[in-house]
Every structure is written in C-alpha cells, then in structure tokens.
Amino acid sequence: KLKAYQKPLFPSYVIADTDTPEAFFLALKQVPKLSRLLRTDSDFW
C-alpha cells in the first residue's frame, strides 16, 4: 500500500520573508541558541 508523507523539497534550506534582511541575519548571529543551528560555511542570500 502507498503511504503518504512529507519531507523538505530543499534539505537544509529555510526561507525567511523579510524587508530587513541585514537586521534579521544579525539577530540570528547574536543569539547563541540560534547561531549554533546555522551552518558555519554558508551565508544569507
């Protein structure tokens, strides 16, 4: 039988909807709990 499930279309990618990307990314970097979840070899585009 076919069983349905869901997975990310782009693994490791999250989309942020923002008008102020610099402020948002700075906030991510400044909060240790969040910055630890960011991949160290990538940036924001």
All heavy atoms as atom14 arrays in JSON, in Angstrom:
{
  "sequence": "KLKAYQKPLFPSYVIADTDTPEAFFLALKQVPKLSRLLRTDSDFW",
  "atom14_mask": [
    [1, 1, 1, 1, 1, 1, 1, 1, 1, 0, 0, 0, 0, 0],
    [1, 1, 1, 1, 1, 1, 1, 1, 0, 0, 0, 0, 0, 0],
    [1, 1, 1, 1, 1, 1, 1, 1, 1, 0, 0, 0, 0, 0],
    [1, 1, 1, 1, 1, 0, 0, 0, 0, 0, 0, 0, 0, 0],
    [1, 1, 1, 1, 1, 1, 1, 1, 1, 1, 1, 1, 0, 0],
    [1, 1, 1, 1, 1, 1, 1, 1, 1, 0, 0, 0, 0, 0],
    [1, 1, 1, 1, 1, 1, 1, 1, 1, 0, 0, 0, 0, 0],
    [1, 1, 1, 1, 1, 1, 1, 0, 0, 0, 0, 0, 0, 0],
    [1, 1, 1, 1, 1, 1, 1, 1, 0, 0, 0, 0, 0, 0],
    [1, 1, 1, 1, 1, 1, 1, 1, 1, 1, 1, 0, 0, 0],
    [1, 1, 1, 1, 1, 1, 1, 0, 0, 0, 0, 0, 0, 0],
    [1, 1, 1, 1, 1, 1, 0, 0, 0, 0, 0, 0, 0, 0],
    [1, 1, 1, 1, 1, 1, 1, 1, 1, 1, 1, 1, 0, 0],
    [1, 1, 1, 1, 1, 1, 1, 0, 0, 0, 0, 0, 0, 0],
    [1, 1, 1, 1, 1, 1, 1, 1, 0, 0, 0, 0, 0, 0],
    [1, 1, 1, 1, 1, 0, 0, 0, 0, 0, 0, 0, 0, 0],
    [1, 1, 1, 1, 1, 1, 1, 1, 0, 0, 0, 0, 0, 0],
    [1, 1, 1, 1, 1, 1, 1, 0, 0, 0, 0, 0, 0, 0],
    [1, 1, 1, 1, 1, 1, 1, 1, 0, 0, 0, 0, 0, 0],
    [1, 1, 1, 1, 1, 1, 1, 0, 0, 0, 0, 0, 0, 0],
    [1, 1, 1, 1, 1, 1, 1, 0, 0, 0, 0, 0, 0, 0],
    [1, 1, 1, 1, 1, 1, 1, 1, 1, 0, 0, 0, 0, 0],
    [1, 1, 1, 1, 1, 0, 0, 0, 0, 0, 0, 0, 0, 0],
    [1, 1, 1, 1, 1, 1, 1, 1, 1, 1, 1, 0, 0, 0],
    [1, 1, 1, 1, 1, 1, 1, 1, 1, 1, 1, 0, 0, 0],
    [1, 1, 1, 1, 1, 1, 1, 1, 0, 0, 0, 0, 0, 0],
    [1, 1, 1, 1, 1, 0, 0, 0, 0, 0, 0, 0, 0, 0],
    [1, 1, 1, 1, 1, 1, 1, 1, 0, 0, 0, 0, 0, 0],
    [1, 1, 1, 1, 1, 1, 1, 1, 1, 0, 0, 0, 0, 0],
    [1, 1, 1, 1, 1, 1, 1, 1, 1, 0, 0, 0, 0, 0],
    [1, 1, 1, 1, 1, 1, 1, 0, 0, 0, 0, 0, 0, 0],
    [1, 1, 1, 1, 1, 1, 1, 0, 0, 0, 0, 0, 0, 0],
    [1, 1, 1, 1, 1, 1, 1, 1, 1, 0, 0, 0, 0, 0],
    [1, 1, 1, 1, 1, 1, 1, 1, 0, 0, 0, 0, 0, 0],
    [1, 1, 1, 1, 1, 1, 0, 0, 0, 0, 0, 0, 0, 0],
    [1, 1, 1, 1, 1, 1, 1, 1, 1, 1, 1, 0, 0, 0],
    [1, 1, 1, 1, 1, 1, 1, 1, 0, 0, 0, 0, 0, 0],
    [1, 1, 1, 1, 1, 1, 1, 1, 0, 0, 0, 0, 0, 0],
    [1, 1, 1, 1, 1, 1, 1, 1, 1, 1, 1, 0, 0, 0],
    [1, 1, 1, 1, 1, 1, 1, 0, 0, 0, 0, 0, 0, 0],
    [1, 1, 1, 1, 1, 1, 1, 1, 0, 0, 0, 0, 0, 0],
    [1, 1, 1, 1, 1, 1, 0, 0, 0, 0, 0, 0, 0, 0],
    [1, 1, 1, 1, 1, 1, 1, 1, 0, 0, 0, 0, 0, 0],
    [1, 1, 1, 1, 1, 1, 1, 1, 1, 1, 1, 0, 0, 0],
    [1, 1, 1, 1, 1, 1, 1, 1, 1, 1, 1, 1, 1, 1]
  ],
  "atom14_positions": [
    [[0.83, -1.2, 0.0], [0.0, 0.0, 0.0], [0.87, 1.25, 0.0], [1.95, 1.26, 0.59], [-0.93, 0.01, 1.22], [-1.94, -1.12, 1.21], [-2.87, -1.02, 2.42], [-3.93, -2.12, 2.4], [-4.85, -2.04, 3.56], [0.0, 0.0, 0.0], [0.0, 0.0, 0.0], [0.0, 0.0, 0.0], [0.0, 0.0, 0.0], [0.0, 0.0, 0.0]],
    [[0.37, 2.3, -0.64], [1.09, 3.57, -0.68], [0.77, 4.39, 0.55], [-0.4, 4.63, 0.86], [0.71, 4.35, -1.95], [1.09, 3.7, -3.29], [0.52, 4.51, -4.44], [2.6, 3.58, -3.42], [0.0, 0.0, 0.0], [0.0, 0.0, 0.0], [0.0, 0.0, 0.0], [0.0, 0.0, 0.0], [0.0, 0.0, 0.0], [0.0, 0.0, 0.0]],
    [[1.81, 4.84, 1.24], [1.65, 5.67, 2.43], [2.24, 7.05, 2.15], [3.4, 7.16, 1.71], [2.36, 5.05, 3.63], [1.91, 3.62, 3.96], [0.5, 3.59, 4.5], [0.12, 2.18, 4.92], [-1.27, 2.12, 5.45], [0.0, 0.0, 0.0], [0.0, 0.0, 0.0], [0.0, 0.0, 0.0], [0.0, 0.0, 0.0], [0.0, 0.0, 0.0]],
    [[1.47, 8.09, 2.37], [1.93, 9.45, 2.1], [2.72, 10.0, 3.27], [2.44, 9.71, 4.44], [0.73, 10.36, 1.8], [0.0, 0.0, 0.0], [0.0, 0.0, 0.0], [0.0, 0.0, 0.0], [0.0, 0.0, 0.0], [0.0, 0.0, 0.0], [0.0, 0.0, 0.0], [0.0, 0.0, 0.0], [0.0, 0.0, 0.0], [0.0, 0.0, 0.0]],
    [[3.74, 10.79, 2.97], [4.5, 11.52, 3.99], [5.06, 12.78, 3.35], [4.94, 12.98, 2.14], [5.62, 10.65, 4.58], [6.76, 10.36, 3.64], [7.93, 11.12, 3.66], [6.69, 9.31, 2.73], [8.99, 10.86, 2.81], [7.74, 9.04, 1.87], [8.9, 9.81, 1.92], [9.94, 9.55, 1.06], [0.0, 0.0, 0.0], [0.0, 0.0, 0.0]],
    [[5.67, 13.62, 4.15], [6.23, 14.87, 3.65], [7.69, 15.0, 4.06], [8.1, 14.49, 5.1], [5.44, 16.07, 4.19], [4.01, 16.12, 3.69], [3.19, 17.15, 4.43], [3.74, 18.05, 5.06], [1.88, 17.02, 4.37], [0.0, 0.0, 0.0], [0.0, 0.0, 0.0], [0.0, 0.0, 0.0], [0.0, 0.0, 0.0], [0.0, 0.0, 0.0]],
    [[8.46, 15.67, 3.22], [9.87, 15.95, 3.51], [10.22, 17.29, 2.86], [9.49, 17.78, 2.0], [10.77, 14.84, 2.97], [10.81, 14.73, 1.46], [11.76, 13.64, 1.0], [11.85, 13.58, -0.53], [12.81, 12.55, -0.99], [0.0, 0.0, 0.0], [0.0, 0.0, 0.0], [0.0, 0.0, 0.0], [0.0, 0.0, 0.0], [0.0, 0.0, 0.0]],
    [[11.36, 17.9, 3.25], [11.74, 19.17, 2.62], [12.07, 19.0, 1.14], [12.72, 18.03, 0.76], [12.99, 19.59, 3.42], [12.88, 18.87, 4.72], [12.24, 17.55, 4.37], [0.0, 0.0, 0.0], [0.0, 0.0, 0.0], [0.0, 0.0, 0.0], [0.0, 0.0, 0.0], [0.0, 0.0, 0.0], [0.0, 0.0, 0.0], [0.0, 0.0, 0.0]],
    [[11.61, 19.93, 0.34], [11.97, 19.92, -1.08], [13.45, 20.26, -1.26], [14.12, 19.7, -2.12], [11.11, 20.94, -1.84], [11.31, 21.01, -3.35], [10.96, 19.68, -4.03], [10.49, 22.15, -3.96], [0.0, 0.0, 0.0], [0.0, 0.0, 0.0], [0.0, 0.0, 0.0], [0.0, 0.0, 0.0], [0.0, 0.0, 0.0], [0.0, 0.0, 0.0]],
    [[13.95, 21.18, -0.42], [15.35, 21.57, -0.44], [15.94, 21.33, 0.95], [15.88, 22.21, 1.82], [15.5, 23.05, -0.83], [14.88, 23.41, -2.14], [13.69, 24.12, -2.18], [15.46, 23.03, -3.34], [13.1, 24.45, -3.39], [14.88, 23.35, -4.55], [13.69, 24.07, -4.58], [0.0, 0.0, 0.0], [0.0, 0.0, 0.0], [0.0, 0.0, 0.0]],
    [[16.49, 20.15, 1.2], [17.03, 19.85, 2.53], [18.07, 20.89, 2.97], [18.88, 21.35, 2.17], [17.68, 18.47, 2.34], [16.93, 17.86, 1.21], [16.61, 19.01, 0.28], [0.0, 0.0, 0.0], [0.0, 0.0, 0.0], [0.0, 0.0, 0.0], [0.0, 0.0, 0.0], [0.0, 0.0, 0.0], [0.0, 0.0, 0.0], [0.0, 0.0, 0.0]],
    [[17.98, 21.28, 4.23], [18.85, 22.26, 4.9], [18.46, 23.7, 4.61], [19.0, 24.62, 5.22], [20.33, 22.05, 4.58], [20.72, 22.65, 3.35], [0.0, 0.0, 0.0], [0.0, 0.0, 0.0], [0.0, 0.0, 0.0], [0.0, 0.0, 0.0], [0.0, 0.0, 0.0], [0.0, 0.0, 0.0], [0.0, 0.0, 0.0], [0.0, 0.0, 0.0]],
    [[17.5, 23.93, 3.7], [17.12, 25.29, 3.35], [15.86, 25.72, 4.09], [14.87, 25.0, 4.14], [16.84, 25.42, 1.85], [18.06, 25.55, 0.98], [19.29, 25.05, 1.38], [17.99, 26.17, -0.26], [20.41, 25.16, 0.58], [19.11, 26.29, -1.08], [20.31, 25.78, -0.65], [21.42, 25.9, -1.46], [0.0, 0.0, 0.0], [0.0, 0.0, 0.0]],
    [[15.91, 26.94, 4.64], [14.76, 27.59, 5.24], [14.6, 28.93, 4.55], [15.58, 29.58, 4.2], [14.98, 27.8, 6.74], [13.87, 28.64, 7.35], [15.07, 26.47, 7.45], [0.0, 0.0, 0.0], [0.0, 0.0, 0.0], [0.0, 0.0, 0.0], [0.0, 0.0, 0.0], [0.0, 0.0, 0.0], [0.0, 0.0, 0.0], [0.0, 0.0, 0.0]],
    [[13.37, 29.33, 4.32], [13.09, 30.62, 3.67], [12.62, 31.63, 4.72], [11.76, 31.31, 5.54], [12.01, 30.48, 2.58], [12.36, 29.36, 1.59], [11.8, 31.81, 1.86], [13.59, 29.59, 0.78], [0.0, 0.0, 0.0], [0.0, 0.0, 0.0], [0.0, 0.0, 0.0], [0.0, 0.0, 0.0], [0.0, 0.0, 0.0], [0.0, 0.0, 0.0]],
    [[13.2, 32.82, 4.67], [12.76, 33.92, 5.53], [12.12, 34.99, 4.65], [12.68, 35.38, 3.63], [13.93, 34.51, 6.29], [0.0, 0.0, 0.0], [0.0, 0.0, 0.0], [0.0, 0.0, 0.0], [0.0, 0.0, 0.0], [0.0, 0.0, 0.0], [0.0, 0.0, 0.0], [0.0, 0.0, 0.0], [0.0, 0.0, 0.0], [0.0, 0.0, 0.0]],
    [[10.97, 35.45, 5.05], [10.25, 36.53, 4.37], [10.49, 37.8, 5.17], [10.0, 37.93, 6.29], [8.77, 36.16, 4.31], [7.9, 37.27, 3.74], [8.44, 38.33, 3.37], [6.68, 37.07, 3.67], [0.0, 0.0, 0.0], [0.0, 0.0, 0.0], [0.0, 0.0, 0.0], [0.0, 0.0, 0.0], [0.0, 0.0, 0.0], [0.0, 0.0, 0.0]],
    [[11.28, 38.72, 4.62], [11.65, 39.9, 5.4], [11.94, 41.1, 4.5], [12.42, 40.95, 3.38], [12.89, 39.62, 6.27], [13.28, 40.8, 6.96], [14.07, 39.13, 5.44], [0.0, 0.0, 0.0], [0.0, 0.0, 0.0], [0.0, 0.0, 0.0], [0.0, 0.0, 0.0], [0.0, 0.0, 0.0], [0.0, 0.0, 0.0], [0.0, 0.0, 0.0]],
    [[11.66, 42.28, 5.01], [12.05, 43.54, 4.36], [13.39, 44.04, 4.86], [13.98, 44.95, 4.28], [11.0, 44.63, 4.65], [9.69, 44.37, 3.93], [9.73, 43.96, 2.75], [8.64, 44.57, 4.55], [0.0, 0.0, 0.0], [0.0, 0.0, 0.0], [0.0, 0.0, 0.0], [0.0, 0.0, 0.0], [0.0, 0.0, 0.0], [0.0, 0.0, 0.0]],
    [[13.86, 43.47, 5.99], [15.1, 43.93, 6.62], [16.05, 42.76, 6.83], [16.28, 42.31, 7.96], [14.78, 44.61, 7.97], [14.04, 43.68, 8.79], [13.95, 45.87, 7.77], [0.0, 0.0, 0.0], [0.0, 0.0, 0.0], [0.0, 0.0, 0.0], [0.0, 0.0, 0.0], [0.0, 0.0, 0.0], [0.0, 0.0, 0.0], [0.0, 0.0, 0.0]],
    [[16.61, 42.23, 5.74], [17.44, 41.03, 5.84], [18.68, 41.19, 6.72], [19.05, 40.27, 7.45], [17.82, 40.74, 4.39], [17.63, 42.02, 3.66], [16.49, 42.7, 4.34], [0.0, 0.0, 0.0], [0.0, 0.0, 0.0], [0.0, 0.0, 0.0], [0.0, 0.0, 0.0], [0.0, 0.0, 0.0], [0.0, 0.0, 0.0], [0.0, 0.0, 0.0]],
    [[19.32, 42.37, 6.66], [20.52, 42.57, 7.45], [20.21, 42.5, 8.94], [20.92, 41.84, 9.71], [21.19, 43.92, 7.12], [21.7, 44.03, 5.69], [20.62, 44.44, 4.71], [19.44, 44.67, 5.14], [20.93, 44.5, 3.5], [0.0, 0.0, 0.0], [0.0, 0.0, 0.0], [0.0, 0.0, 0.0], [0.0, 0.0, 0.0], [0.0, 0.0, 0.0]],
    [[19.13, 43.16, 9.35], [18.75, 43.15, 10.77], [18.36, 41.75, 11.2], [18.7, 41.31, 12.31], [17.6, 44.12, 11.0], [0.0, 0.0, 0.0], [0.0, 0.0, 0.0], [0.0, 0.0, 0.0], [0.0, 0.0, 0.0], [0.0, 0.0, 0.0], [0.0, 0.0, 0.0], [0.0, 0.0, 0.0], [0.0, 0.0, 0.0], [0.0, 0.0, 0.0]],
    [[17.68, 41.03, 10.34], [17.25, 39.68, 10.68], [18.43, 38.74, 10.85], [18.53, 38.0, 11.83], [16.3, 39.16, 9.6], [15.86, 37.74, 9.81], [15.13, 37.38, 10.93], [16.2, 36.76, 8.88], [14.72, 36.06, 11.13], [15.79, 35.44, 9.08], [15.06, 35.1, 10.2], [0.0, 0.0, 0.0], [0.0, 0.0, 0.0], [0.0, 0.0, 0.0]],
    [[19.36, 38.78, 9.9], [20.5, 37.88, 9.97], [21.41, 38.23, 11.15], [21.96, 37.35, 11.81], [21.29, 37.93, 8.66], [22.27, 36.81, 8.53], [21.89, 35.5, 8.77], [23.57, 37.05, 8.14], [22.79, 34.45, 8.63], [24.49, 36.01, 8.01], [24.09, 34.71, 8.25], [0.0, 0.0, 0.0], [0.0, 0.0, 0.0], [0.0, 0.0, 0.0]],
    [[21.54, 39.53, 11.44], [22.33, 39.95, 12.6], [21.7, 39.4, 13.88], [22.41, 38.93, 14.78], [22.41, 41.47, 12.66], [23.24, 42.06, 13.81], [24.69, 41.6, 13.7], [23.17, 43.59, 13.79], [0.0, 0.0, 0.0], [0.0, 0.0, 0.0], [0.0, 0.0, 0.0], [0.0, 0.0, 0.0], [0.0, 0.0, 0.0], [0.0, 0.0, 0.0]],
    [[20.37, 39.43, 13.95], [19.68, 38.89, 15.12], [19.95, 37.4, 15.27], [20.16, 36.89, 16.38], [18.19, 39.16, 15.03], [0.0, 0.0, 0.0], [0.0, 0.0, 0.0], [0.0, 0.0, 0.0], [0.0, 0.0, 0.0], [0.0, 0.0, 0.0], [0.0, 0.0, 0.0], [0.0, 0.0, 0.0], [0.0, 0.0, 0.0], [0.0, 0.0, 0.0]],
    [[19.97, 36.67, 14.16], [20.27, 35.24, 14.22], [21.67, 34.99, 14.77], [21.88, 34.1, 15.58], [20.17, 34.61, 12.82], [18.81, 34.54, 12.14], [18.94, 33.81, 10.81], [17.78, 33.83, 13.01], [0.0, 0.0, 0.0], [0.0, 0.0, 0.0], [0.0, 0.0, 0.0], [0.0, 0.0, 0.0], [0.0, 0.0, 0.0], [0.0, 0.0, 0.0]],
    [[22.62, 35.78, 14.31], [24.01, 35.6, 14.7], [24.25, 35.96, 16.17], [25.14, 35.42, 16.82], [24.92, 36.44, 13.81], [25.09, 35.93, 12.4], [25.94, 34.67, 12.37], [26.4, 34.31, 10.98], [27.27, 33.12, 10.97], [0.0, 0.0, 0.0], [0.0, 0.0, 0.0], [0.0, 0.0, 0.0], [0.0, 0.0, 0.0], [0.0, 0.0, 0.0]],
    [[23.46, 36.9, 16.68], [23.71, 37.41, 18.04], [23.09, 36.55, 19.13], [23.43, 36.72, 20.3], [23.2, 38.85, 18.14], [24.08, 39.85, 17.4], [23.58, 41.27, 17.51], [22.38, 41.5, 17.76], [24.47, 42.23, 17.32], [0.0, 0.0, 0.0], [0.0, 0.0, 0.0], [0.0, 0.0, 0.0], [0.0, 0.0, 0.0], [0.0, 0.0, 0.0]],
    [[22.16, 35.69, 18.77], [21.53, 34.83, 19.76], [22.21, 33.47, 19.72], [22.07, 32.74, 18.73], [20.01, 34.68, 19.5], [19.39, 33.74, 20.53], [19.33, 36.04, 19.53], [0.0, 0.0, 0.0], [0.0, 0.0, 0.0], [0.0, 0.0, 0.0], [0.0, 0.0, 0.0], [0.0, 0.0, 0.0], [0.0, 0.0, 0.0], [0.0, 0.0, 0.0]],
    [[22.97, 33.1, 20.75], [23.74, 31.85, 20.72], [22.91, 30.62, 20.37], [23.35, 29.76, 19.6], [24.31, 31.75, 22.14], [24.39, 33.17, 22.6], [23.2, 33.86, 21.99], [0.0, 0.0, 0.0], [0.0, 0.0, 0.0], [0.0, 0.0, 0.0], [0.0, 0.0, 0.0], [0.0, 0.0, 0.0], [0.0, 0.0, 0.0], [0.0, 0.0, 0.0]],
    [[21.71, 30.51, 20.91], [20.88, 29.34, 20.65], [20.54, 29.22, 19.18], [20.42, 28.11, 18.63], [19.6, 29.41, 21.49], [18.76, 28.14, 21.44], [17.61, 28.19, 22.41], [16.8, 26.89, 22.37], [15.67, 26.92, 23.34], [0.0, 0.0, 0.0], [0.0, 0.0, 0.0], [0.0, 0.0, 0.0], [0.0, 0.0, 0.0], [0.0, 0.0, 0.0]],
    [[20.39, 30.38, 18.51], [20.09, 30.37, 17.08], [21.36, 30.18, 16.25], [21.38, 29.41, 15.29], [19.4, 31.67, 16.67], [18.0, 31.9, 17.26], [17.47, 33.26, 16.82], [17.05, 30.8, 16.82], [0.0, 0.0, 0.0], [0.0, 0.0, 0.0], [0.0, 0.0, 0.0], [0.0, 0.0, 0.0], [0.0, 0.0, 0.0], [0.0, 0.0, 0.0]],
    [[22.42, 30.89, 16.61], [23.65, 30.83, 15.81], [24.23, 29.42, 15.8], [24.87, 29.01, 14.82], [24.69, 31.82, 16.34], [25.07, 31.5, 17.66], [0.0, 0.0, 0.0], [0.0, 0.0, 0.0], [0.0, 0.0, 0.0], [0.0, 0.0, 0.0], [0.0, 0.0, 0.0], [0.0, 0.0, 0.0], [0.0, 0.0, 0.0], [0.0, 0.0, 0.0]],
    [[24.01, 28.65, 16.84], [24.52, 27.28, 16.87], [23.82, 26.38, 15.85], [24.34, 25.34, 15.46], [24.36, 26.68, 18.27], [25.38, 27.18, 19.27], [25.39, 26.29, 20.51], [24.14, 26.34, 21.25], [23.9, 27.18, 22.24], [24.82, 28.07, 22.61], [22.73, 27.17, 22.87], [0.0, 0.0, 0.0], [0.0, 0.0, 0.0], [0.0, 0.0, 0.0]],
    [[22.62, 26.79, 15.43], [21.88, 25.99, 14.45], [22.2, 26.38, 13.01], [21.76, 25.71, 12.08], [20.37, 26.14, 14.69], [19.85, 25.51, 15.99], [18.39, 25.88, 16.2], [19.99, 24.0, 15.95], [0.0, 0.0, 0.0], [0.0, 0.0, 0.0], [0.0, 0.0, 0.0], [0.0, 0.0, 0.0], [0.0, 0.0, 0.0], [0.0, 0.0, 0.0]],
    [[22.93, 27.47, 12.82], [23.27, 27.91, 11.47], [24.46, 27.12, 10.95], [25.37, 26.78, 11.69], [23.6, 29.4, 11.46], [22.51, 30.34, 11.97], [22.98, 31.78, 11.88], [21.22, 30.15, 11.2], [0.0, 0.0, 0.0], [0.0, 0.0, 0.0], [0.0, 0.0, 0.0], [0.0, 0.0, 0.0], [0.0, 0.0, 0.0], [0.0, 0.0, 0.0]],
    [[24.45, 26.85, 9.65], [25.59, 26.15, 9.07], [26.76, 27.11, 8.95], [26.61, 28.21, 8.41], [25.21, 25.57, 7.69], [25.98, 24.32, 7.34], [25.41, 23.65, 6.12], [25.85, 24.32, 4.89], [25.48, 23.93, 3.68], [24.66, 22.92, 3.55], [25.91, 24.56, 2.61], [0.0, 0.0, 0.0], [0.0, 0.0, 0.0], [0.0, 0.0, 0.0]],
    [[27.91, 26.73, 9.42], [29.03, 27.66, 9.53], [29.62, 28.05, 8.18], [30.27, 29.09, 8.07], [30.14, 27.05, 10.4], [30.52, 25.78, 9.84], [29.66, 26.83, 11.82], [0.0, 0.0, 0.0], [0.0, 0.0, 0.0], [0.0, 0.0, 0.0], [0.0, 0.0, 0.0], [0.0, 0.0, 0.0], [0.0, 0.0, 0.0], [0.0, 0.0, 0.0]],
    [[29.43, 27.25, 7.13], [30.06, 27.52, 5.84], [29.14, 28.24, 4.87], [29.41, 28.3, 3.68], [30.55, 26.22, 5.21], [29.41, 25.24, 4.93], [28.31, 25.45, 5.48], [29.64, 24.29, 4.17], [0.0, 0.0, 0.0], [0.0, 0.0, 0.0], [0.0, 0.0, 0.0], [0.0, 0.0, 0.0], [0.0, 0.0, 0.0], [0.0, 0.0, 0.0]],
    [[28.03, 28.76, 5.34], [27.09, 29.42, 4.41], [26.71, 30.8, 4.9], [26.98, 31.18, 6.04], [25.83, 28.55, 4.23], [25.16, 28.43, 5.46], [0.0, 0.0, 0.0], [0.0, 0.0, 0.0], [0.0, 0.0, 0.0], [0.0, 0.0, 0.0], [0.0, 0.0, 0.0], [0.0, 0.0, 0.0], [0.0, 0.0, 0.0], [0.0, 0.0, 0.0]],
    [[26.09, 31.57, 4.01], [25.63, 32.9, 4.37], [24.17, 33.05, 3.97], [23.46, 32.07, 3.84], [26.53, 33.97, 3.73], [26.69, 33.77, 2.24], [26.11, 32.81, 1.7], [27.38, 34.56, 1.61], [0.0, 0.0, 0.0], [0.0, 0.0, 0.0], [0.0, 0.0, 0.0], [0.0, 0.0, 0.0], [0.0, 0.0, 0.0], [0.0, 0.0, 0.0]],
    [[23.76, 34.29, 3.73], [22.36, 34.65, 3.6], [22.14, 35.24, 2.23], [22.83, 36.16, 1.86], [22.09, 35.66, 4.71], [20.71, 36.19, 4.8], [19.62, 35.36, 4.74], [20.5, 37.55, 5.0], [18.34, 35.86, 4.86], [19.22, 38.07, 5.13], [18.14, 37.22, 5.05], [0.0, 0.0, 0.0], [0.0, 0.0, 0.0], [0.0, 0.0, 0.0]],
    [[21.21, 34.7, 1.43], [21.05, 35.23, 0.08], [19.59, 35.26, -0.36], [18.76, 34.53, 0.12], [21.89, 34.46, -0.93], [21.85, 32.97, -0.85], [22.62, 32.18, -0.06], [21.02, 32.09, -1.6], [22.32, 30.85, -0.27], [21.35, 30.77, -1.2], [20.04, 32.28, -2.58], [20.72, 29.64, -1.74], [19.41, 31.18, -3.12], [19.75, 29.87, -2.7]]
  ]
}
